Protein backbone atom coordinates (compact mmCIF):
# COMPACT_ATOMS: atom_id res chain seq x y z
CA MET A 1 -5.08 36.68 47.06
CA ALA A 2 -1.44 36.34 48.35
CA ARG A 3 -2.83 36.33 51.78
CA VAL A 4 -5.37 33.41 51.14
CA LEU A 5 -2.73 31.28 49.47
CA LEU A 6 -0.40 31.84 52.48
CA GLY A 7 -3.14 30.80 54.59
CA PHE A 8 -3.75 27.66 52.67
CA ALA A 9 -0.22 26.71 53.09
CA ALA A 10 -0.65 27.05 56.82
CA ILE A 11 -3.41 24.71 56.58
CA LEU A 12 -1.70 22.05 54.63
CA LEU A 13 1.12 22.23 57.07
CA GLY A 14 -1.15 21.26 59.91
CA ALA A 15 -0.96 24.73 61.71
CA SER A 16 -4.33 24.78 63.40
CA SER A 17 -5.10 22.49 66.41
CA ALA A 18 -8.57 21.12 66.80
CA HIS A 19 -10.43 19.72 69.93
CA ALA A 20 -12.68 16.84 69.25
CA ASP A 21 -15.70 18.04 71.35
CA ASP A 22 -16.30 21.29 69.54
CA SER A 23 -14.56 20.64 66.08
CA LEU A 24 -16.23 19.65 62.63
CA THR A 25 -14.68 17.42 59.84
CA LEU A 26 -15.07 17.53 56.50
CA ASP A 27 -17.06 14.29 56.45
CA GLN A 28 -19.49 15.56 58.87
CA ALA A 29 -20.21 18.93 57.09
CA ILE A 30 -20.91 16.85 53.99
CA LYS A 31 -23.23 14.62 55.85
CA LEU A 32 -24.94 17.64 57.39
CA ALA A 33 -25.45 19.17 53.95
CA LEU A 34 -26.80 15.95 52.49
CA THR A 35 -29.56 15.90 55.14
CA ARG A 36 -30.22 19.50 55.60
CA ASN A 37 -29.73 21.37 52.35
CA GLU A 38 -32.60 21.89 50.22
CA ARG A 39 -30.81 20.89 47.05
CA ALA A 40 -30.54 17.27 48.46
CA ALA A 41 -34.28 17.22 49.22
CA ILE A 42 -34.98 18.61 45.97
CA THR A 43 -33.22 15.94 44.02
CA GLU A 44 -34.73 13.20 46.21
CA LEU A 45 -38.42 14.64 45.55
CA GLN A 46 -37.70 14.69 41.81
CA THR A 47 -36.81 11.12 41.89
CA VAL A 48 -40.23 10.75 43.59
CA GLU A 49 -41.85 12.56 40.47
CA ALA A 50 -40.18 9.97 38.17
CA ASP A 51 -41.19 7.00 40.16
CA ALA A 52 -45.04 8.40 40.08
CA ALA A 53 -44.60 8.94 36.38
CA VAL A 54 -43.79 5.05 36.03
CA GLU A 55 -46.94 4.49 37.89
CA ARG A 56 -48.98 6.80 35.90
CA ALA A 57 -47.66 4.88 32.63
CA HIS A 58 -48.92 1.44 34.08
CA VAL A 59 -52.48 2.94 33.99
CA ALA A 60 -52.93 2.24 30.12
CA PHE A 61 -52.68 -1.58 30.90
CA LEU A 62 -55.15 -1.85 33.86
CA PRO A 63 -58.77 -1.63 34.17
CA VAL A 64 -60.60 1.49 35.06
CA LEU A 65 -63.81 1.04 37.32
CA ASN A 66 -66.34 3.85 37.62
CA ALA A 67 -69.67 4.06 39.25
CA SER A 68 -72.22 6.83 38.63
CA GLY A 69 -75.93 7.47 39.77
CA ASN A 70 -78.87 9.81 39.45
CA ASP A 71 -82.10 10.47 40.82
CA THR A 72 -85.14 11.96 38.83
CA ILE A 73 -88.19 13.65 39.92
CA ARG A 74 -91.26 13.98 37.80
CA PRO A 75 -93.97 15.76 39.44
CA ILE A 76 -96.84 14.64 37.09
CA ASP A 77 -95.65 11.35 35.93
CA ASP A 78 -95.81 7.88 37.69
CA PRO A 79 -93.60 6.99 39.38
CA LYS A 80 -92.57 10.26 40.28
CA ASN A 81 -89.11 9.40 41.54
CA THR A 82 -86.81 7.14 39.59
CA ALA A 83 -83.12 6.28 40.66
CA ASN A 84 -80.65 4.91 38.20
CA GLY A 85 -77.00 3.64 38.99
CA SER A 86 -74.39 1.82 36.83
CA LEU A 87 -71.05 0.56 37.11
CA THR A 88 -68.62 0.59 34.30
CA LEU A 89 -65.32 -1.50 33.74
CA ASN A 90 -63.15 -0.54 30.93
CA GLN A 91 -60.45 -2.76 30.39
CA PRO A 92 -57.70 -2.18 27.60
CA LEU A 93 -56.92 -4.91 25.66
CA ILE A 94 -54.56 -3.59 22.78
CA VAL A 95 -52.97 -0.27 23.34
CA LEU A 96 -49.65 -0.35 21.55
CA THR A 97 -48.56 3.01 22.16
CA ALA A 98 -48.76 2.42 26.04
CA PHE A 99 -45.43 0.19 25.49
CA PRO A 100 -43.06 2.67 24.49
CA LEU A 101 -44.30 5.35 26.81
CA LEU A 102 -43.96 2.72 29.72
CA ALA A 103 -40.40 2.15 28.73
CA GLN A 104 -39.88 5.97 28.53
CA ALA A 105 -40.99 6.44 31.89
CA LYS A 106 -38.74 3.57 33.38
CA HIS A 107 -35.83 4.98 31.64
CA ASN A 108 -36.48 8.44 32.97
CA LEU A 109 -36.63 7.27 36.54
CA GLU A 110 -33.41 5.54 36.02
CA ALA A 111 -31.79 8.73 34.86
CA GLN A 112 -33.23 10.57 37.65
CA ARG A 113 -31.79 8.27 40.23
CA SER A 114 -28.54 8.69 38.60
CA GLN A 115 -28.87 12.41 38.54
CA THR A 116 -29.79 12.44 42.11
CA ILE A 117 -26.62 10.74 42.93
CA GLU A 118 -24.71 13.37 40.48
CA ASP A 119 -26.43 16.34 42.23
CA LYS A 120 -25.63 15.00 45.84
CA ARG A 121 -21.82 14.59 44.79
CA GLN A 122 -21.77 18.18 43.23
CA LEU A 123 -23.45 19.48 46.70
CA ALA A 124 -20.53 17.55 48.54
CA PHE A 125 -17.98 19.32 46.50
CA ASP A 126 -19.63 22.66 47.24
CA VAL A 127 -19.40 21.95 50.73
CA ALA A 128 -15.76 21.11 50.71
CA LYS A 129 -15.18 24.44 48.99
CA ALA A 130 -17.00 26.29 51.56
CA TYR A 131 -15.20 24.16 54.23
CA PHE A 132 -11.86 25.16 52.84
CA GLY A 133 -13.00 28.84 52.65
CA VAL A 134 -13.43 28.65 56.50
CA LEU A 135 -9.91 27.16 57.20
CA LEU A 136 -8.34 29.47 54.65
CA ALA A 137 -10.01 32.52 56.48
CA GLN A 138 -9.03 31.25 59.89
CA GLU A 139 -5.28 30.89 58.86
CA VAL A 140 -5.19 34.17 57.31
CA VAL A 141 -6.49 35.90 60.47
CA GLN A 142 -3.97 34.22 62.60
CA ALA A 143 -1.23 35.12 59.86
CA ALA A 144 -2.47 38.61 60.01
CA GLN A 145 -2.51 38.62 63.61
CA LYS A 146 1.22 37.53 63.77
CA LYS A 147 2.04 40.12 61.14
CA LEU A 148 0.45 42.73 63.29
CA ASP A 149 2.36 41.59 66.41
CA THR A 150 5.60 41.68 64.50
CA ALA A 151 4.96 45.17 63.26
CA THR A 152 4.13 46.32 66.75
CA ALA A 153 7.51 44.79 68.05
CA ASP A 154 9.36 46.34 65.00
CA VAL A 155 8.04 49.82 66.03
CA ALA A 156 9.18 49.63 69.56
CA ASP A 157 12.58 47.98 68.28
CA THR A 158 13.24 50.69 65.64
CA ASP A 159 12.03 53.52 67.88
CA ALA A 160 14.50 52.51 70.55
CA GLN A 161 17.33 52.39 67.78
CA PHE A 162 16.45 55.73 66.81
CA LYS A 163 16.78 57.05 70.25
CA ALA A 164 20.21 55.36 70.39
CA GLN A 165 21.11 57.18 66.95
CA LEU A 166 21.43 53.61 65.29
CA VAL A 167 18.89 54.28 62.70
CA SER A 168 17.28 57.23 60.99
CA SER A 169 13.66 58.57 61.45
CA ASN A 170 12.94 57.08 58.12
CA ASP A 171 13.14 53.57 59.56
CA VAL A 172 10.67 54.37 62.25
CA THR A 173 8.21 55.86 59.53
CA ARG A 174 8.63 52.55 57.67
CA ALA A 175 7.85 50.88 60.72
CA GLN A 176 4.83 52.67 61.55
CA ILE A 177 3.19 52.34 58.11
CA SER A 178 3.93 48.57 58.39
CA LEU A 179 1.84 48.71 61.67
CA ALA A 180 -1.03 50.45 60.23
CA SER A 181 -1.24 48.39 57.05
CA SER A 182 -1.30 45.34 59.52
CA VAL A 183 -4.10 46.73 61.52
CA ARG A 184 -6.08 47.27 58.38
CA GLU A 185 -5.46 43.93 56.95
CA LEU A 186 -6.52 42.10 60.20
CA SER A 187 -9.57 44.02 59.93
CA GLN A 188 -10.22 42.88 56.54
CA ASP A 189 -9.02 39.54 57.06
CA ARG A 190 -11.89 39.18 59.91
CA SER A 191 -14.60 40.28 57.99
CA GLN A 192 -13.70 37.66 55.28
CA LEU A 193 -13.55 35.17 57.84
CA ALA A 194 -16.95 36.01 59.10
CA THR A 195 -18.36 35.76 55.41
CA ALA A 196 -16.84 32.36 55.07
CA TYR A 197 -18.63 31.06 58.19
CA ILE A 198 -21.86 32.50 56.79
CA GLN A 199 -21.16 30.65 53.39
CA LEU A 200 -20.58 27.41 55.21
CA GLY A 201 -23.43 27.87 57.37
CA PHE A 202 -25.64 28.26 54.71
CA ILE A 203 -24.62 25.36 52.79
CA ILE A 204 -24.93 22.83 55.63
CA ASN A 205 -28.04 24.77 56.82
CA GLY A 206 -26.80 25.15 60.35
CA PRO A 207 -24.35 27.16 62.35
CA PRO A 208 -20.92 25.33 62.03
CA PRO A 209 -18.49 24.92 64.99
CA THR A 210 -15.68 27.42 65.32
CA VAL A 211 -13.32 24.91 64.97
CA LEU A 212 -12.71 22.83 61.85
CA GLN A 213 -10.23 19.84 61.17
CA PRO A 214 -8.04 20.22 58.06
CA PRO A 215 -8.70 17.19 55.94
CA SER A 216 -5.14 15.88 56.28
CA ASP A 217 -5.71 12.49 54.42
CA LEU A 218 -7.22 14.34 51.45
CA LEU A 219 -4.27 16.73 51.25
CA ASP A 220 -1.66 13.91 51.69
CA ALA A 221 -3.34 12.28 48.83
CA GLY A 222 -2.80 15.04 46.71
CA GLN A 223 0.96 14.61 47.06
CA GLN A 224 0.83 11.09 45.59
CA VAL A 225 1.71 10.38 41.81
CA PRO A 226 -1.55 9.90 39.92
CA GLN A 227 -2.28 6.71 37.76
CA GLU A 228 -2.15 6.58 34.33
CA PRO A 229 -4.72 8.88 32.32
CA ASP A 230 -6.03 5.90 30.24
CA ALA A 231 -7.04 4.01 33.53
CA LEU A 232 -8.50 6.92 35.13
CA VAL A 233 -10.51 8.01 31.76
CA LYS A 234 -12.07 4.22 31.63
CA HIS A 235 -12.71 4.55 35.54
CA GLY A 236 -14.43 7.85 35.03
CA ILE A 237 -16.43 7.14 32.18
CA ALA A 238 -17.85 3.78 34.19
CA ALA A 239 -18.22 5.70 37.43
CA ARG A 240 -19.76 9.21 36.41
CA SER A 241 -23.25 9.04 37.31
CA ASP A 242 -24.15 12.06 35.33
CA LEU A 243 -23.12 10.17 32.29
CA LYS A 244 -25.27 7.34 33.09
CA ALA A 245 -28.15 9.72 33.71
CA ARG A 246 -27.45 11.15 30.34
CA LYS A 247 -27.55 7.87 28.64
CA ASP A 248 -30.82 6.71 30.24
CA SER A 249 -32.30 10.03 29.09
CA ALA A 250 -31.18 9.29 25.72
CA LEU A 251 -32.67 5.90 25.94
CA ALA A 252 -35.97 7.38 27.14
CA ALA A 253 -35.81 9.81 24.18
CA HIS A 254 -35.85 6.94 21.74
CA ASP A 255 -38.70 5.09 23.62
CA PHE A 256 -40.60 8.57 23.21
CA ALA A 257 -39.79 8.68 19.45
CA ARG A 258 -41.21 5.24 18.90
CA GLU A 259 -44.64 6.13 20.09
CA PRO A 260 -45.83 7.90 17.21
CA ARG A 261 -45.42 4.99 14.96
CA TYR A 262 -47.56 2.70 17.07
CA ARG A 263 -50.52 5.00 16.50
CA TYR A 264 -50.73 3.40 12.99
CA PHE A 265 -52.33 0.48 14.69
CA PRO A 266 -55.89 0.34 16.10
CA THR A 267 -56.58 0.06 19.88
CA LEU A 268 -59.07 -2.73 21.49
CA SER A 269 -60.71 -2.36 24.83
CA LEU A 270 -63.30 -4.40 26.73
CA ILE A 271 -66.07 -2.61 28.21
CA GLY A 272 -68.42 -4.15 30.97
CA GLN A 273 -71.45 -2.31 32.27
CA LEU A 274 -73.92 -3.10 35.07
CA THR A 275 -76.91 -0.80 35.51
CA ALA A 276 -79.73 -0.63 38.38
CA THR A 277 -82.87 1.41 38.40
CA SER A 278 -85.87 1.74 40.63
CA ASN A 279 -88.51 1.81 37.67
CA ALA A 280 -88.27 -1.71 35.77
CA GLY A 281 -89.82 -0.04 32.79
CA MET A 282 -91.03 -1.75 29.68
CA ASN A 283 -88.59 -4.78 29.90
CA GLY A 284 -89.34 -5.66 33.51
CA HIS A 285 -85.75 -5.79 34.62
CA ASP A 286 -84.36 -3.55 37.64
CA VAL A 287 -80.96 -4.79 37.03
CA ASP A 288 -79.17 -5.07 33.59
CA GLY A 289 -75.70 -5.41 32.25
CA SER A 290 -73.75 -5.55 28.87
CA ILE A 291 -70.24 -6.25 27.60
CA GLN A 292 -68.71 -4.98 24.36
CA PHE A 293 -65.65 -4.58 22.78
CA ALA A 294 -64.61 -1.20 21.46
CA ALA A 295 -62.09 -0.62 18.71
CA SER A 296 -60.55 2.44 17.52
CA TRP A 297 -58.27 3.19 14.41
CA SER A 298 -57.15 6.47 13.37
CA ILE A 299 -56.55 5.95 9.56
CA TYR A 300 -55.64 9.33 8.82
CA ASP A 301 -54.66 11.94 11.45
CA ALA A 302 -53.56 14.90 8.96
CA GLY A 303 -49.86 14.09 9.35
CA ALA A 304 -49.59 14.46 12.92
CA ARG A 305 -48.10 10.94 13.52
CA SER A 306 -45.13 11.59 10.86
CA ALA A 307 -44.26 15.05 12.34
CA ASP A 308 -44.23 13.83 15.99
CA ALA A 309 -41.95 10.98 14.87
CA ARG A 310 -39.69 13.27 12.98
CA SER A 311 -39.60 15.69 15.84
CA ARG A 312 -38.79 12.88 18.49
CA ASP A 313 -36.16 11.31 16.30
CA ALA A 314 -34.35 14.50 16.21
CA ALA A 315 -34.58 14.81 19.94
CA ALA A 316 -33.42 11.35 20.51
CA LYS A 317 -30.30 12.05 18.04
CA ILE A 318 -29.62 15.06 20.25
CA ALA A 319 -29.65 13.07 23.37
CA ASP A 320 -27.15 10.58 21.79
CA LEU A 321 -24.83 13.37 20.70
CA GLN A 322 -25.11 14.95 24.24
CA ALA A 323 -23.96 11.68 25.83
CA ASP A 324 -21.32 11.18 23.21
CA ALA A 325 -20.03 14.83 24.05
CA LEU A 326 -19.93 14.28 27.75
CA ILE A 327 -17.74 11.15 27.23
CA ARG A 328 -15.39 13.17 25.36
CA SER A 329 -15.64 15.81 28.15
CA ILE A 330 -14.72 13.34 30.78
CA ASP A 331 -11.91 12.21 28.74
CA ALA A 332 -10.37 15.73 28.49
CA ASP A 333 -11.13 16.66 31.98
CA VAL A 334 -9.44 13.51 33.40
CA ARG A 335 -6.42 14.21 31.36
CA THR A 336 -6.13 18.03 32.20
CA ALA A 337 -6.40 17.08 35.73
CA VAL A 338 -3.91 14.62 35.55
CA THR A 339 -1.40 16.92 33.62
CA GLU A 340 -2.15 19.84 36.15
CA LEU A 341 -1.70 17.56 39.26
CA THR A 342 1.57 16.49 37.86
CA ALA A 343 2.74 19.84 36.94
CA ALA A 344 1.74 21.16 40.43
CA GLN A 345 3.52 18.56 42.25
CA ALA A 346 6.72 19.24 40.40
CA ALA A 347 6.44 23.20 41.12
CA LEU A 348 5.72 22.38 44.71
CA ALA A 349 9.36 20.82 45.22
CA ALA A 350 10.90 23.87 43.73
CA ALA A 351 8.81 26.19 45.80
CA LYS A 352 9.53 24.49 49.09
CA ASP A 353 13.49 25.15 48.23
CA ALA A 354 12.88 28.83 47.49
CA THR A 355 11.03 29.47 50.75
CA THR A 356 13.58 27.73 52.76
CA ALA A 357 16.22 29.97 51.15
CA SER A 358 14.45 32.95 51.37
CA ARG A 359 13.48 32.42 55.07
CA LYS A 360 16.96 31.95 55.91
CA SER A 361 17.89 35.20 54.05
CA ALA A 362 15.31 37.27 55.98
CA ASP A 363 16.23 35.89 59.48
CA GLU A 364 19.98 36.58 58.63
CA THR A 365 19.30 40.28 57.22
CA ALA A 366 17.01 40.90 60.50
CA ILE A 367 20.20 40.05 62.70
CA LEU A 368 22.43 42.15 60.61
CA TYR A 369 20.06 45.16 60.92
CA LYS A 370 19.78 44.91 64.56
CA GLN A 371 23.37 44.99 64.68
CA GLY A 372 23.63 47.99 62.42
CA LEU A 373 25.49 46.03 59.50
CA ALA A 374 22.21 46.29 57.32
CA LYS A 375 20.09 48.97 56.14
CA ALA A 376 16.20 49.30 56.38
CA ILE A 377 16.00 48.89 52.69
CA GLU A 378 17.99 45.66 52.80
CA LEU A 379 15.55 44.21 55.74
CA VAL A 380 12.57 45.40 53.58
CA ASP A 381 13.60 43.66 50.52
CA ALA A 382 14.58 40.35 52.37
CA ASN A 383 11.13 40.12 54.11
CA GLU A 384 9.35 40.75 50.43
CA GLN A 385 11.42 38.33 49.09
CA ARG A 386 10.48 35.70 51.90
CA PHE A 387 6.96 36.83 51.68
CA THR A 388 6.87 36.25 47.70
CA ALA A 389 8.51 32.87 48.32
CA GLU A 390 6.02 32.00 50.84
CA VAL A 391 3.17 33.08 48.59
CA SER A 392 4.56 30.93 45.69
CA TYR A 393 4.88 27.99 47.95
CA ALA A 394 1.47 28.39 49.27
CA GLU A 395 0.29 28.64 45.58
CA ALA A 396 1.87 25.56 44.65
CA GLU A 397 0.17 23.75 47.67
CA PHE A 398 -3.10 25.10 46.56
CA ALA A 399 -2.45 24.04 43.16
CA VAL A 400 -1.79 20.35 44.20
CA ALA A 401 -4.91 20.39 46.24
CA SER A 402 -6.99 21.79 43.69
CA ALA A 403 -5.59 19.79 41.07
CA TYR A 404 -6.43 16.62 42.95
CA LEU A 405 -9.82 17.54 43.82
CA ALA A 406 -10.62 18.40 40.13
CA LEU A 407 -9.11 14.90 39.23
CA ARG A 408 -11.56 13.24 41.84
CA GLN A 409 -14.44 15.02 40.42
CA ALA A 410 -13.57 14.36 36.98
CA ILE A 411 -13.36 10.52 37.48
CA GLY A 412 -16.75 10.43 39.33
CA GLU A 413 -15.41 10.25 42.95
CA GLY A 414 -16.47 12.60 45.70
CA PRO A 415 -14.21 14.95 47.90
CA LEU A 416 -13.85 11.92 50.12
CA GLU A 417 -14.04 8.53 49.40
CA GLU A 418 -17.08 7.90 51.65
CA THR A 419 -19.11 10.50 49.74
CA ARG A 420 -18.84 8.96 46.12
CA LYS A 421 -22.27 7.56 46.02
């Protein structure tokens, strides 16, 4: 974990350099995921399903035209072959239950459209996490390689000082142990880098380039003082697409709850029929037609309407409570993110001073050790203190970046401004 945090510090300091020809930005990675990842395609298809449900709900208001025909053969009768055909038109006139069901379908469509935006926003944050995972792993590998190079040089220097009888054999042993540890760490870090590439390639559904550009604008924005929590909470409640989806779903639930009460009213339909036969029969007509009004009224349905109404009223109330709970959750998430970001920024300043002092101490101790004025244990302690301070500084920078991303997520923004919608 310490190595990961140290690698993150290197990212924030802009240690890596990228060439535009073979590099990938965070914005590009997000766009690749939104066009290639199955999650984006699935949420779009769910919107298509909701739109089809609205079209299906309109059927209750539109006419239905059916055609049928048959041919009857009677071997001993005259005529032996009789063909019949009919064309039936059914036009609903009064179907009150169709109105709340249509309203439900429309609200469900709006809810799904908002949910599609939210799903893509969450996908963008997942891309950002995987993207940073690769950047971290790359910097950790570079740091591990530098540590290995330093350990190799320390073994050579310590061995030379031992031969000159300036240090003891214990110093040589310590340098060899450090070298072996550095080799092992580099191997592990390279494995983690390969895993990070796999994760990024999976989420963007393609092999990522080997050079990623750190999102410096995003990281710099995390250093800025956040706005007042009340203003951010208001913005989050207005911008969060998942809250809009939750509210539209609640409206759809209320529409669905109204449908059983409309069953107490009768339905009325107009039915027109046109028939044709090859045998005129007794009335002498080959073609005939009729128009009729059909009314239906369910006077008593054994309590099904009232039971459905009670059940759906409860479901609608649950949907309202879920929307209210999400509003309170947004309020808490935004205020928490602001608090954590402010605290992380304050801790970062102190960690920076500690890192500067520890690096100076380690450099001075190294000079004294080469001059024979410091012991090996003092050098080890100084290097350990520097490493601890650098890890603390990296952890502080990581906390600032994480809190800023959490704040953007809480107020309904995307990892980048361009990916909010």
